Amino acid sequence: MSKLRRQLGNNLSNVVETKNLNDIKNKTGNLYESISIIAKRAGQINIVLKEELHNKLEEFASHTDSLEEIHENKEQIEISKAYEKMPNSAILATQEFMEDKIYFRKNEEDLFR
């Protein structure tokens, strides 16, 4: 089980909750910078989850393409449903950001502007 899947088991709600913008802003001093960090992390999480799902579903892939041979695979359906029930990557990224689990740093070029 991947680190991300274990993290998902921490009973993180699949429902979007409102966050205090001042709390998000105080992490970096700039609300837009904080949102940018969350968005970048959400993209990373999304890529990892998508790769995991495709790797798991690839095990069940049939390499013979015939309309007569198409059938439902219960394991494949269960895996897909499990990934659908997972919290959105933006929710996960926001949670990580608020718990200080994301490392970020300012780019030196931005400091001189």
PDB file of N, CA and C in Angstrom:
ATOM      1  N   MET A   1       0.847  -1.176   0.000  1.00  0.00           N
ATOM      2  CA  MET A   1       0.000   0.000   0.000  1.00  0.00           C
ATOM      3  C   MET A   1       0.891   1.236   0.000  1.00  0.00           C
ATOM      4  N   SER A   2       0.554   2.168  -0.847  1.00  0.00           N
ATOM      5  CA  SER A   2       1.380   3.357  -0.969  1.00  0.00           C
ATOM      6  C   SER A   2       1.189   4.285   0.220  1.00  0.00           C
ATOM      7  N   LYS A   3       2.136   5.173   0.374  1.00  0.00           N
ATOM      8  CA  LYS A   3       2.085   6.159   1.468  1.00  0.00           C
ATOM      9  C   LYS A   3       0.826   7.014   1.353  1.00  0.00           C
ATOM     10  N   LEU A   4       0.466   7.357   0.130  1.00  0.00           N
ATOM     11  CA  LEU A   4      -0.700   8.194  -0.098  1.00  0.00           C
ATOM     12  C   LEU A   4      -1.983   7.453   0.288  1.00  0.00           C
ATOM     13  N   ARG A   5      -2.062   6.165  -0.028  1.00  0.00           N
ATOM     14  CA  ARG A   5      -3.249   5.375   0.328  1.00  0.00           C
ATOM     15  C   ARG A   5      -3.373   5.265   1.849  1.00  0.00           C
ATOM     16  N   ARG A   6      -2.245   5.115   2.556  1.00  0.00           N
ATOM     17  CA  ARG A   6      -2.292   5.062   4.019  1.00  0.00           C
ATOM     18  C   ARG A   6      -2.794   6.392   4.572  1.00  0.00           C
ATOM     19  N   GLN A   7      -2.348   7.469   3.956  1.00  0.00           N
ATOM     20  CA  GLN A   7      -2.765   8.796   4.400  1.00  0.00           C
ATOM     21  C   GLN A   7      -4.270   8.964   4.199  1.00  0.00           C
ATOM     22  N   LEU A   8      -4.796   8.389   3.139  1.00  0.00           N
ATOM     23  CA  LEU A   8      -6.221   8.492   2.869  1.00  0.00           C
ATOM     24  C   LEU A   8      -7.041   7.743   3.922  1.00  0.00           C
ATOM     25  N   GLY A   9      -6.421   6.765   4.554  1.00  0.00           N
ATOM     26  CA  GLY A   9      -7.106   6.002   5.582  1.00  0.00           C
ATOM     27  C   GLY A   9      -7.246   6.746   6.897  1.00  0.00           C
ATOM     28  N   ASN A  10      -6.793   7.967   6.966  1.00  0.00           N
ATOM     29  CA  ASN A  10      -6.859   8.753   8.198  1.00  0.00           C
ATOM     30  C   ASN A  10      -8.230   9.393   8.397  1.00  0.00           C
ATOM     31  N   ASN A  11      -9.268   8.781   7.844  1.00  0.00           N
ATOM     32  CA  ASN A  11     -10.646   9.259   7.990  1.00  0.00           C
ATOM     33  C   ASN A  11     -10.812  10.704   7.546  1.00  0.00           C
ATOM     34  N   LEU A  12     -10.149  11.056   6.467  1.00  0.00           N
ATOM     35  CA  LEU A  12     -10.307  12.389   5.908  1.00  0.00           C
ATOM     36  C   LEU A  12     -11.645  12.459   5.199  1.00  0.00           C
ATOM     37  N   SER A  13     -12.400  13.476   5.479  1.00  0.00           N
ATOM     38  CA  SER A  13     -13.737  13.613   4.914  1.00  0.00           C
ATOM     39  C   SER A  13     -13.660  13.852   3.415  1.00  0.00           C
ATOM     40  N   ASN A  14     -14.621  13.292   2.710  1.00  0.00           N
ATOM     41  CA  ASN A  14     -14.709  13.459   1.269  1.00  0.00           C
ATOM     42  C   ASN A  14     -15.510  14.713   0.919  1.00  0.00           C
ATOM     43  N   VAL A  15     -16.013  15.392   1.944  1.00  0.00           N
ATOM     44  CA  VAL A  15     -16.840  16.573   1.758  1.00  0.00           C
ATOM     45  C   VAL A  15     -15.985  17.828   1.908  1.00  0.00           C
ATOM     46  N   VAL A  16     -16.225  18.777   1.041  1.00  0.00           N
ATOM     47  CA  VAL A  16     -15.489  20.032   1.093  1.00  0.00           C
ATOM     48  C   VAL A  16     -15.955  20.834   2.305  1.00  0.00           C
ATOM     49  N   GLU A  17     -14.999  21.307   3.082  1.00  0.00           N
ATOM     50  CA  GLU A  17     -15.314  22.136   4.240  1.00  0.00           C
ATOM     51  C   GLU A  17     -14.738  23.523   4.016  1.00  0.00           C
ATOM     52  N   THR A  18     -15.428  24.525   4.537  1.00  0.00           N
ATOM     53  CA  THR A  18     -14.912  25.882   4.391  1.00  0.00           C
ATOM     54  C   THR A  18     -13.686  26.056   5.276  1.00  0.00           C
ATOM     55  N   LYS A  19     -12.745  26.815   4.803  1.00  0.00           N
ATOM     56  CA  LYS A  19     -11.517  27.102   5.550  1.00  0.00           C
ATOM     57  C   LYS A  19     -11.436  28.599   5.778  1.00  0.00           C
ATOM     58  N   ASN A  20     -10.803  28.975   6.868  1.00  0.00           N
ATOM     59  CA  ASN A  20     -10.588  30.376   7.174  1.00  0.00           C
ATOM     60  C   ASN A  20      -9.448  30.881   6.283  1.00  0.00           C
ATOM     61  N   LEU A  21      -9.731  31.858   5.457  1.00  0.00           N
ATOM     62  CA  LEU A  21      -8.724  32.361   4.524  1.00  0.00           C
ATOM     63  C   LEU A  21      -7.527  32.972   5.242  1.00  0.00           C
ATOM     64  N   ASN A  22      -7.763  33.537   6.404  1.00  0.00           N
ATOM     65  CA  ASN A  22      -6.649  34.109   7.165  1.00  0.00           C
ATOM     66  C   ASN A  22      -5.678  33.022   7.623  1.00  0.00           C
ATOM     67  N   ASP A  23      -6.204  31.858   7.990  1.00  0.00           N
ATOM     68  CA  ASP A  23      -5.325  30.748   8.380  1.00  0.00           C
ATOM     69  C   ASP A  23      -4.466  30.299   7.207  1.00  0.00           C
ATOM     70  N   ILE A  24      -5.072  30.232   6.018  1.00  0.00           N
ATOM     71  CA  ILE A  24      -4.322  29.834   4.815  1.00  0.00           C
ATOM     72  C   ILE A  24      -3.291  30.898   4.479  1.00  0.00           C
ATOM     73  N   LYS A  25      -3.695  32.160   4.561  1.00  0.00           N
ATOM     74  CA  LYS A  25      -2.793  33.272   4.242  1.00  0.00           C
ATOM     75  C   LYS A  25      -1.611  33.331   5.203  1.00  0.00           C
ATOM     76  N   ASN A  26      -1.835  33.057   6.480  1.00  0.00           N
ATOM     77  CA  ASN A  26      -0.785  33.179   7.488  1.00  0.00           C
ATOM     78  C   ASN A  26       0.341  32.171   7.304  1.00  0.00           C
ATOM     79  N   LYS A  27       0.111  31.100   6.581  1.00  0.00           N
ATOM     80  CA  LYS A  27       1.155  30.090   6.366  1.00  0.00           C
ATOM     81  C   LYS A  27       2.303  30.645   5.519  1.00  0.00           C
ATOM     82  N   THR A  28       1.985  31.509   4.541  1.00  0.00           N
ATOM     83  CA  THR A  28       3.021  32.059   3.659  1.00  0.00           C
ATOM     84  C   THR A  28       3.082  33.578   3.699  1.00  0.00           C
ATOM     85  N   GLY A  29       2.046  34.201   4.212  1.00  0.00           N
ATOM     86  CA  GLY A  29       1.994  35.662   4.209  1.00  0.00           C
ATOM     87  C   GLY A  29       1.255  36.205   2.997  1.00  0.00           C
ATOM     88  N   ASN A  30       0.861  35.323   2.073  1.00  0.00           N
ATOM     89  CA  ASN A  30       0.176  35.745   0.869  1.00  0.00           C
ATOM     90  C   ASN A  30      -0.848  34.668   0.504  1.00  0.00           C
ATOM     91  N   LEU A  31      -2.101  35.043   0.414  1.00  0.00           N
ATOM     92  CA  LEU A  31      -3.160  34.083   0.131  1.00  0.00           C
ATOM     93  C   LEU A  31      -2.949  33.404  -1.219  1.00  0.00           C
ATOM     94  N   TYR A  32      -2.591  34.169  -2.232  1.00  0.00           N
ATOM     95  CA  TYR A  32      -2.431  33.610  -3.575  1.00  0.00           C
ATOM     96  C   TYR A  32      -1.237  32.656  -3.646  1.00  0.00           C
ATOM     97  N   GLU A  33      -0.204  32.962  -2.913  1.00  0.00           N
ATOM     98  CA  GLU A  33       0.949  32.078  -2.858  1.00  0.00           C
ATOM     99  C   GLU A  33       0.557  30.754  -2.179  1.00  0.00           C
ATOM    100  N   SER A  34      -0.210  30.835  -1.121  1.00  0.00           N
ATOM    101  CA  SER A  34      -0.669  29.628  -0.425  1.00  0.00           C
ATOM    102  C   SER A  34      -1.535  28.773  -1.337  1.00  0.00           C
ATOM    103  N   ILE A  35      -2.447  29.409  -2.059  1.00  0.00           N
ATOM    104  CA  ILE A  35      -3.327  28.677  -2.972  1.00  0.00           C
ATOM    105  C   ILE A  35      -2.516  28.051  -4.100  1.00  0.00           C
ATOM    106  N   SER A  36      -1.501  28.741  -4.573  1.00  0.00           N
ATOM    107  CA  SER A  36      -0.635  28.198  -5.611  1.00  0.00           C
ATOM    108  C   SER A  36       0.091  26.938  -5.125  1.00  0.00           C
ATOM    109  N   ILE A  37       0.565  26.967  -3.894  1.00  0.00           N
ATOM    110  CA  ILE A  37       1.253  25.812  -3.308  1.00  0.00           C
ATOM    111  C   ILE A  37       0.286  24.642  -3.193  1.00  0.00           C
ATOM    112  N   ILE A  38      -0.925  24.917  -2.734  1.00  0.00           N
ATOM    113  CA  ILE A  38      -1.938  23.863  -2.604  1.00  0.00           C
ATOM    114  C   ILE A  38      -2.271  23.284  -3.977  1.00  0.00           C
ATOM    115  N   ALA A  39      -2.404  24.141  -4.978  1.00  0.00           N
ATOM    116  CA  ALA A  39      -2.739  23.678  -6.324  1.00  0.00           C
ATOM    117  C   ALA A  39      -1.635  22.799  -6.911  1.00  0.00           C
ATOM    118  N   LYS A  40      -0.387  23.188  -6.695  1.00  0.00           N
ATOM    119  CA  LYS A  40       0.727  22.382  -7.206  1.00  0.00           C
ATOM    120  C   LYS A  40       0.758  21.015  -6.529  1.00  0.00           C
ATOM    121  N   ARG A  41       0.523  20.989  -5.229  1.00  0.00           N
ATOM    122  CA  ARG A  41       0.510  19.723  -4.501  1.00  0.00           C
ATOM    123  C   ARG A  41      -0.675  18.866  -4.946  1.00  0.00           C
ATOM    124  N   ALA A  42      -1.823  19.483  -5.190  1.00  0.00           N
ATOM    125  CA  ALA A  42      -3.002  18.741  -5.661  1.00  0.00           C
ATOM    126  C   ALA A  42      -2.708  18.083  -7.007  1.00  0.00           C
ATOM    127  N   GLY A  43      -1.986  18.789  -7.860  1.00  0.00           N
ATOM    128  CA  GLY A  43      -1.587  18.214  -9.152  1.00  0.00           C
ATOM    129  C   GLY A  43      -0.684  17.000  -8.971  1.00  0.00           C
ATOM    130  N   GLN A  44       0.263  17.095  -8.038  1.00  0.00           N
ATOM    131  CA  GLN A  44       1.152  15.964  -7.759  1.00  0.00           C
ATOM    132  C   GLN A  44       0.366  14.768  -7.233  1.00  0.00           C
ATOM    133  N   ILE A  45      -0.549  15.009  -6.314  1.00  0.00           N
ATOM    134  CA  ILE A  45      -1.358  13.928  -5.749  1.00  0.00           C
ATOM    135  C   ILE A  45      -2.200  13.289  -6.851  1.00  0.00           C
ATOM    136  N   ASN A  46      -2.776  14.115  -7.699  1.00  0.00           N
ATOM    137  CA  ASN A  46      -3.615  13.618  -8.780  1.00  0.00           C
ATOM    138  C   ASN A  46      -2.830  12.701  -9.710  1.00  0.00           C
ATOM    139  N   ILE A  47      -1.613  13.075 -10.035  1.00  0.00           N
ATOM    140  CA  ILE A  47      -0.774  12.251 -10.911  1.00  0.00           C
ATOM    141  C   ILE A  47      -0.478  10.908 -10.267  1.00  0.00           C
ATOM    142  N   VAL A  48      -0.133  10.913  -8.979  1.00  0.00           N
ATOM    143  CA  VAL A  48       0.186   9.670  -8.270  1.00  0.00           C
ATOM    144  C   VAL A  48      -1.028   8.749  -8.219  1.00  0.00           C
ATOM    145  N   LEU A  49      -2.191   9.307  -7.881  1.00  0.00           N
ATOM    146  CA  LEU A  49      -3.400   8.495  -7.804  1.00  0.00           C
ATOM    147  C   LEU A  49      -3.777   7.917  -9.160  1.00  0.00           C
ATOM    148  N   LYS A  50      -3.636   8.728 -10.200  1.00  0.00           N
ATOM    149  CA  LYS A  50      -3.967   8.263 -11.545  1.00  0.00           C
ATOM    150  C   LYS A  50      -3.035   7.134 -11.979  1.00  0.00           C
ATOM    151  N   GLU A  51      -1.739   7.258 -11.696  1.00  0.00           N
ATOM    152  CA  GLU A  51      -0.784   6.204 -12.038  1.00  0.00           C
ATOM    153  C   GLU A  51      -1.094   4.924 -11.269  1.00  0.00           C
ATOM    154  N   GLU A  52      -1.404   5.060  -9.971  1.00  0.00           N
ATOM    155  CA  GLU A  52      -1.751   3.899  -9.155  1.00  0.00           C
ATOM    156  C   GLU A  52      -2.967   3.180  -9.715  1.00  0.00           C
ATOM    157  N   LEU A  53      -3.993   3.949 -10.041  1.00  0.00           N
ATOM    158  CA  LEU A  53      -5.217   3.361 -10.566  1.00  0.00           C
ATOM    159  C   LEU A  53      -4.960   2.651 -11.885  1.00  0.00           C
ATOM    160  N   HIS A  54      -4.234   3.290 -12.791  1.00  0.00           N
ATOM    161  CA  HIS A  54      -3.955   2.672 -14.084  1.00  0.00           C
ATOM    162  C   HIS A  54      -3.116   1.405 -13.932  1.00  0.00           C
ATOM    163  N   ASN A  55      -2.158   1.414 -13.005  1.00  0.00           N
ATOM    164  CA  ASN A  55      -1.343   0.220 -12.769  1.00  0.00           C
ATOM    165  C   ASN A  55      -2.186  -0.932 -12.239  1.00  0.00           C
ATOM    166  N   LYS A  56      -3.106  -0.632 -11.336  1.00  0.00           N
ATOM    167  CA  LYS A  56      -3.969  -1.684 -10.800  1.00  0.00           C
ATOM    168  C   LYS A  56      -4.926  -2.207 -11.852  1.00  0.00           C
ATOM    169  N   LEU A  57      -5.478  -1.320 -12.659  1.00  0.00           N
ATOM    170  CA  LEU A  57      -6.424  -1.747 -13.684  1.00  0.00           C
ATOM    171  C   LEU A  57      -5.728  -2.458 -14.838  1.00  0.00           C
ATOM    172  N   GLU A  58      -4.460  -2.163 -15.042  1.00  0.00           N
ATOM    173  CA  GLU A  58      -3.692  -2.811 -16.116  1.00  0.00           C
ATOM    174  C   GLU A  58      -3.588  -4.316 -15.888  1.00  0.00           C
ATOM    175  N   GLU A  59      -3.609  -4.747 -14.630  1.00  0.00           N
ATOM    176  CA  GLU A  59      -3.547  -6.171 -14.319  1.00  0.00           C
ATOM    177  C   GLU A  59      -4.729  -6.921 -14.912  1.00  0.00           C
ATOM    178  N   PHE A  60      -5.856  -6.243 -15.061  1.00  0.00           N
ATOM    179  CA  PHE A  60      -7.066  -6.881 -15.562  1.00  0.00           C
ATOM    180  C   PHE A  60      -7.289  -6.634 -17.048  1.00  0.00           C
ATOM    181  N   ALA A  61      -6.411  -5.900 -17.682  1.00  0.00           N
ATOM    182  CA  ALA A  61      -6.604  -5.521 -19.078  1.00  0.00           C
ATOM    183  C   ALA A  61      -6.521  -6.740 -19.987  1.00  0.00           C
ATOM    184  N   SER A  62      -7.407  -6.762 -20.927  1.00  0.00           N
ATOM    185  CA  SER A  62      -7.402  -7.808 -21.946  1.00  0.00           C
ATOM    186  C   SER A  62      -6.789  -7.213 -23.202  1.00  0.00           C
ATOM    187  N   HIS A  63      -5.810  -7.888 -23.742  1.00  0.00           N
ATOM    188  CA  HIS A  63      -5.105  -7.332 -24.900  1.00  0.00           C
ATOM    189  C   HIS A  63      -5.687  -7.817 -26.221  1.00  0.00           C
ATOM    190  N   THR A  64      -6.747  -8.579 -26.161  1.00  0.00           N
ATOM    191  CA  THR A  64      -7.433  -8.974 -27.383  1.00  0.00           C
ATOM    192  C   THR A  64      -8.681  -8.125 -27.498  1.00  0.00           C
ATOM    193  N   ASP A  65      -8.763  -7.379 -28.566  1.00  0.00           N
ATOM    194  CA  ASP A  65      -9.887  -6.471 -28.756  1.00  0.00           C
ATOM    195  C   ASP A  65     -10.962  -7.132 -29.603  1.00  0.00           C
ATOM    196  N   SER A  66     -11.965  -7.616 -28.943  1.00  0.00           N
ATOM    197  CA  SER A  66     -13.092  -8.209 -29.633  1.00  0.00           C
ATOM    198  C   SER A  66     -14.346  -7.845 -28.861  1.00  0.00           C
ATOM    199  N   LEU A  67     -15.360  -7.406 -29.561  1.00  0.00           N
ATOM    200  CA  LEU A  67     -16.591  -7.002 -28.902  1.00  0.00           C
ATOM    201  C   LEU A  67     -17.255  -8.181 -28.184  1.00  0.00           C
ATOM    202  N   GLU A  68     -17.022  -9.373 -28.673  1.00  0.00           N
ATOM    203  CA  GLU A  68     -17.648 -10.541 -28.068  1.00  0.00           C
ATOM    204  C   GLU A  68     -17.005 -10.906 -26.735  1.00  0.00           C
ATOM    205  N   GLU A  69     -15.762 -10.489 -26.520  1.00  0.00           N
ATOM    206  CA  GLU A  69     -15.036 -10.890 -25.322  1.00  0.00           C
ATOM    207  C   GLU A  69     -15.104  -9.874 -24.190  1.00  0.00           C
ATOM    208  N   ILE A  70     -15.835  -8.797 -24.388  1.00  0.00           N
ATOM    209  CA  ILE A  70     -15.938  -7.776 -23.347  1.00  0.00           C
ATOM    210  C   ILE A  70     -16.847  -8.307 -22.242  1.00  0.00           C
ATOM    211  N   HIS A  71     -16.346  -8.289 -21.026  1.00  0.00           N
ATOM    212  CA  HIS A  71     -17.120  -8.740 -19.880  1.00  0.00           C
ATOM    213  C   HIS A  71     -16.750  -7.889 -18.668  1.00  0.00           C
ATOM    214  N   GLU A  72     -17.623  -7.909 -17.708  1.00  0.00           N
ATOM    215  CA  GLU A  72     -17.371  -7.124 -16.503  1.00  0.00           C
ATOM    216  C   GLU A  72     -16.470  -7.904 -15.560  1.00  0.00           C
ATOM    217  N   ASN A  73     -15.520  -7.211 -14.989  1.00  0.00           N
ATOM    218  CA  ASN A  73     -14.632  -7.817 -14.015  1.00  0.00           C
ATOM    219  C   ASN A  73     -14.941  -7.168 -12.673  1.00  0.00           C
ATOM    220  N   LYS A  74     -15.416  -7.952 -11.718  1.00  0.00           N
ATOM    221  CA  LYS A  74     -15.854  -7.406 -10.436  1.00  0.00           C
ATOM    222  C   LYS A  74     -14.717  -6.731  -9.670  1.00  0.00           C
ATOM    223  N   GLU A  75     -13.512  -7.313  -9.735  1.00  0.00           N
ATOM    224  CA  GLU A  75     -12.378  -6.699  -9.038  1.00  0.00           C
ATOM    225  C   GLU A  75     -12.065  -5.324  -9.610  1.00  0.00           C
ATOM    226  N   GLN A  76     -12.143  -5.235 -10.921  1.00  0.00           N
ATOM    227  CA  GLN A  76     -11.874  -3.968 -11.604  1.00  0.00           C
ATOM    228  C   GLN A  76     -12.895  -2.909 -11.184  1.00  0.00           C
ATOM    229  N   ILE A  77     -14.138  -3.306 -11.088  1.00  0.00           N
ATOM    230  CA  ILE A  77     -15.201  -2.376 -10.698  1.00  0.00           C
ATOM    231  C   ILE A  77     -15.005  -1.937  -9.254  1.00  0.00           C
ATOM    232  N   GLU A  78     -14.640  -2.855  -8.367  1.00  0.00           N
ATOM    233  CA  GLU A  78     -14.419  -2.512  -6.966  1.00  0.00           C
ATOM    234  C   GLU A  78     -13.253  -1.547  -6.795  1.00  0.00           C
ATOM    235  N   ILE A  79     -12.175  -1.754  -7.545  1.00  0.00           N
ATOM    236  CA  ILE A  79     -11.023  -0.849  -7.492  1.00  0.00           C
ATOM    237  C   ILE A  79     -11.432   0.542  -7.953  1.00  0.00           C
ATOM    238  N   SER A  80     -12.170   0.608  -9.055  1.00  0.00           N
ATOM    239  CA  SER A  80     -12.611   1.903  -9.578  1.00  0.00           C
ATOM    240  C   SER A  80     -13.515   2.623  -8.584  1.00  0.00           C
ATOM    241  N   LYS A  81     -14.420   1.888  -7.956  1.00  0.00           N
ATOM    242  CA  LYS A  81     -15.312   2.505  -6.969  1.00  0.00           C
ATOM    243  C   LYS A  81     -14.538   3.012  -5.758  1.00  0.00           C
ATOM    244  N   ALA A  82     -13.513   2.260  -5.334  1.00  0.00           N
ATOM    245  CA  ALA A  82     -12.705   2.689  -4.191  1.00  0.00           C
ATOM    246  C   ALA A  82     -12.007   4.008  -4.490  1.00  0.00           C
ATOM    247  N   TYR A  83     -11.483   4.155  -5.717  1.00  0.00           N
ATOM    248  CA  TYR A  83     -10.809   5.400  -6.089  1.00  0.00           C
ATOM    249  C   TYR A  83     -11.811   6.547  -6.244  1.00  0.00           C
ATOM    250  N   GLU A  84     -13.023   6.242  -6.657  1.00  0.00           N
ATOM    251  CA  GLU A  84     -14.048   7.286  -6.774  1.00  0.00           C
ATOM    252  C   GLU A  84     -14.456   7.824  -5.410  1.00  0.00           C
ATOM    253  N   LYS A  85     -14.405   6.977  -4.380  1.00  0.00           N
ATOM    254  CA  LYS A  85     -14.804   7.378  -3.033  1.00  0.00           C
ATOM    255  C   LYS A  85     -13.716   8.176  -2.318  1.00  0.00           C
ATOM    256  N   MET A  86     -12.525   8.173  -2.850  1.00  0.00           N
ATOM    257  CA  MET A  86     -11.422   8.908  -2.213  1.00  0.00           C
ATOM    258  C   MET A  86     -11.679  10.410  -2.256  1.00  0.00           C
ATOM    259  N   PRO A  87     -11.146  11.127  -1.280  1.00  0.00           N
ATOM    260  CA  PRO A  87     -11.276  12.588  -1.305  1.00  0.00           C
ATOM    261  C   PRO A  87     -10.562  13.177  -2.528  1.00  0.00           C
ATOM    262  N   ASN A  88     -11.064  14.277  -2.979  1.00  0.00           N
ATOM    263  CA  ASN A  88     -10.480  15.005  -4.100  1.00  0.00           C
ATOM    264  C   ASN A  88      -9.035  15.391  -3.769  1.00  0.00           C
ATOM    265  N   SER A  89      -8.184  15.447  -4.768  1.00  0.00           N
ATOM    266  CA  SER A  89      -6.776  15.784  -4.537  1.00  0.00           C
ATOM    267  C   SER A  89      -6.613  17.185  -3.941  1.00  0.00           C
ATOM    268  N   ALA A  90      -7.511  18.106  -4.276  1.00  0.00           N
ATOM    269  CA  ALA A  90      -7.437  19.456  -3.706  1.00  0.00           C
ATOM    270  C   ALA A  90      -7.749  19.432  -2.209  1.00  0.00           C
ATOM    271  N   ILE A  91      -8.662  18.572  -1.797  1.00  0.00           N
ATOM    272  CA  ILE A  91      -8.979  18.434  -0.379  1.00  0.00           C
ATOM    273  C   ILE A  91      -7.774  17.871   0.366  1.00  0.00           C
ATOM    274  N   LEU A  92      -7.150  16.860  -0.219  1.00  0.00           N
ATOM    275  CA  LEU A  92      -5.957  16.266   0.396  1.00  0.00           C
ATOM    276  C   LEU A  92      -4.825  17.277   0.505  1.00  0.00           C
ATOM    277  N   ALA A  93      -4.600  18.025  -0.572  1.00  0.00           N
ATOM    278  CA  ALA A  93      -3.518  19.009  -0.580  1.00  0.00           C
ATOM    279  C   ALA A  93      -3.765  20.111   0.447  1.00  0.00           C
ATOM    280  N   THR A  94      -4.999  20.553   0.572  1.00  0.00           N
ATOM    281  CA  THR A  94      -5.325  21.585   1.554  1.00  0.00           C
ATOM    282  C   THR A  94      -5.088  21.071   2.964  1.00  0.00           C
ATOM    283  N   GLN A  95      -5.486  19.834   3.208  1.00  0.00           N
ATOM    284  CA  GLN A  95      -5.275  19.238   4.530  1.00  0.00           C
ATOM    285  C   GLN A  95      -3.783  19.148   4.846  1.00  0.00           C
ATOM    286  N   GLU A  96      -2.994  18.683   3.878  1.00  0.00           N
ATOM    287  CA  GLU A  96      -1.534  18.605   4.076  1.00  0.00           C
ATOM    288  C   GLU A  96      -0.953  19.983   4.350  1.00  0.00           C
ATOM    289  N   PHE A  97      -1.410  20.979   3.618  1.00  0.00           N
ATOM    290  CA  PHE A  97      -0.903  22.335   3.777  1.00  0.00           C
ATOM    291  C   PHE A  97      -1.222  22.876   5.162  1.00  0.00           C
ATOM    292  N   MET A  98      -2.438  22.659   5.617  1.00  0.00           N
ATOM    293  CA  MET A  98      -2.845  23.175   6.919  1.00  0.00           C
ATOM    294  C   MET A  98      -2.137  22.444   8.063  1.00  0.00           C
ATOM    295  N   GLU A  99      -1.713  21.208   7.829  1.00  0.00           N
ATOM    296  CA  GLU A  99      -1.002  20.441   8.858  1.00  0.00           C
ATOM    297  C   GLU A  99       0.518  20.564   8.706  1.00  0.00           C
ATOM    298  N   ASP A 100       0.975  21.485   7.887  1.00  0.00           N
ATOM    299  CA  ASP A 100       2.405  21.734   7.644  1.00  0.00           C
ATOM    300  C   ASP A 100       3.146  20.485   7.167  1.00  0.00           C
ATOM    301  N   LYS A 101       2.521  19.709   6.313  1.00  0.00           N
ATOM    302  CA  LYS A 101       3.141  18.510   5.770  1.00  0.00           C
ATOM    303  C   LYS A 101       3.726  18.742   4.379  1.00  0.00           C
ATOM    304  N   ILE A 102       3.619  19.973   3.884  1.00  0.00           N
ATOM    305  CA  ILE A 102       4.147  20.309   2.560  1.00  0.00           C
ATOM    306  C   ILE A 102       5.367  21.199   2.742  1.00  0.00           C
ATOM    307  N   TYR A 103       6.468  20.797   2.108  1.00  0.00           N
ATOM    308  CA  TYR A 103       7.672  21.631   2.132  1.00  0.00           C
ATOM    309  C   TYR A 103       7.609  22.570   0.938  1.00  0.00           C
ATOM    310  N   PHE A 104       7.807  23.845   1.183  1.00  0.00           N
ATOM    311  CA  PHE A 104       7.867  24.822   0.102  1.00  0.00           C
ATOM    312  C   PHE A 104       8.888  25.877   0.476  1.00  0.00           C
ATOM    313  N   ARG A 105       9.431  26.520  -0.541  1.00  0.00           N
ATOM    314  CA  ARG A 105      10.393  27.595  -0.307  1.00  0.00           C
ATOM    315  C   ARG A 105      10.200  28.642  -1.380  1.00  0.00           C
ATOM    316  N   LYS A 106      10.632  29.852  -1.062  1.00  0.00           N
ATOM    317  CA  LYS A 106      10.521  30.941  -2.031  1.00  0.00           C
ATOM    318  C   LYS A 106      11.673  30.871  -3.012  1.00  0.00           C
ATOM    319  N   ASN A 107      11.355  31.158  -4.246  1.00  0.00           N
ATOM    320  CA  ASN A 107      12.358  31.199  -5.281  1.00  0.00           C
ATOM    321  C   ASN A 107      13.194  32.465  -5.097  1.00  0.00           C
ATOM    322  N   GLU A 108      14.503  32.349  -5.186  1.00  0.00           N
ATOM    323  CA  GLU A 108      15.382  33.501  -4.951  1.00  0.00           C
ATOM    324  C   GLU A 108      15.124  34.633  -5.934  1.00  0.00           C
ATOM    325  N   GLU A 109      14.717  34.304  -7.158  1.00  0.00           N
ATOM    326  CA  GLU A 109      14.438  35.356  -8.151  1.00  0.00           C
ATOM    327  C   GLU A 109      13.270  36.222  -7.699  1.00  0.00           C
ATOM    328  N   ASP A 110      12.288  35.611  -7.047  1.00  0.00           N
ATOM    329  CA  ASP A 110      11.108  36.354  -6.601  1.00  0.00           C
ATOM    330  C   ASP A 110      11.442  37.322  -5.470  1.00  0.00           C
ATOM    331  N   LEU A 111      12.489  37.051  -4.736  1.00  0.00           N
ATOM    332  CA  LEU A 111      12.840  37.907  -3.607  1.00  0.00           C
ATOM    333  C   LEU A 111      13.375  39.257  -4.045  1.00  0.00           C
ATOM    334  N   PHE A 112      13.927  39.360  -5.248  1.00  0.00           N
ATOM    335  CA  PHE A 112      14.529  40.590  -5.724  1.00  0.00           C
ATOM    336  C   PHE A 112      13.602  41.420  -6.580  1.00  0.00           C
ATOM    337  N   ARG A 113      12.386  41.000  -6.760  1.00  0.00           N
ATOM    338  CA  ARG A 113      11.444  41.758  -7.611  1.00  0.00           C
ATOM    339  C   ARG A 113      10.744  42.812  -6.829  1.00  0.00           C
TER     340      ARG A 113
END
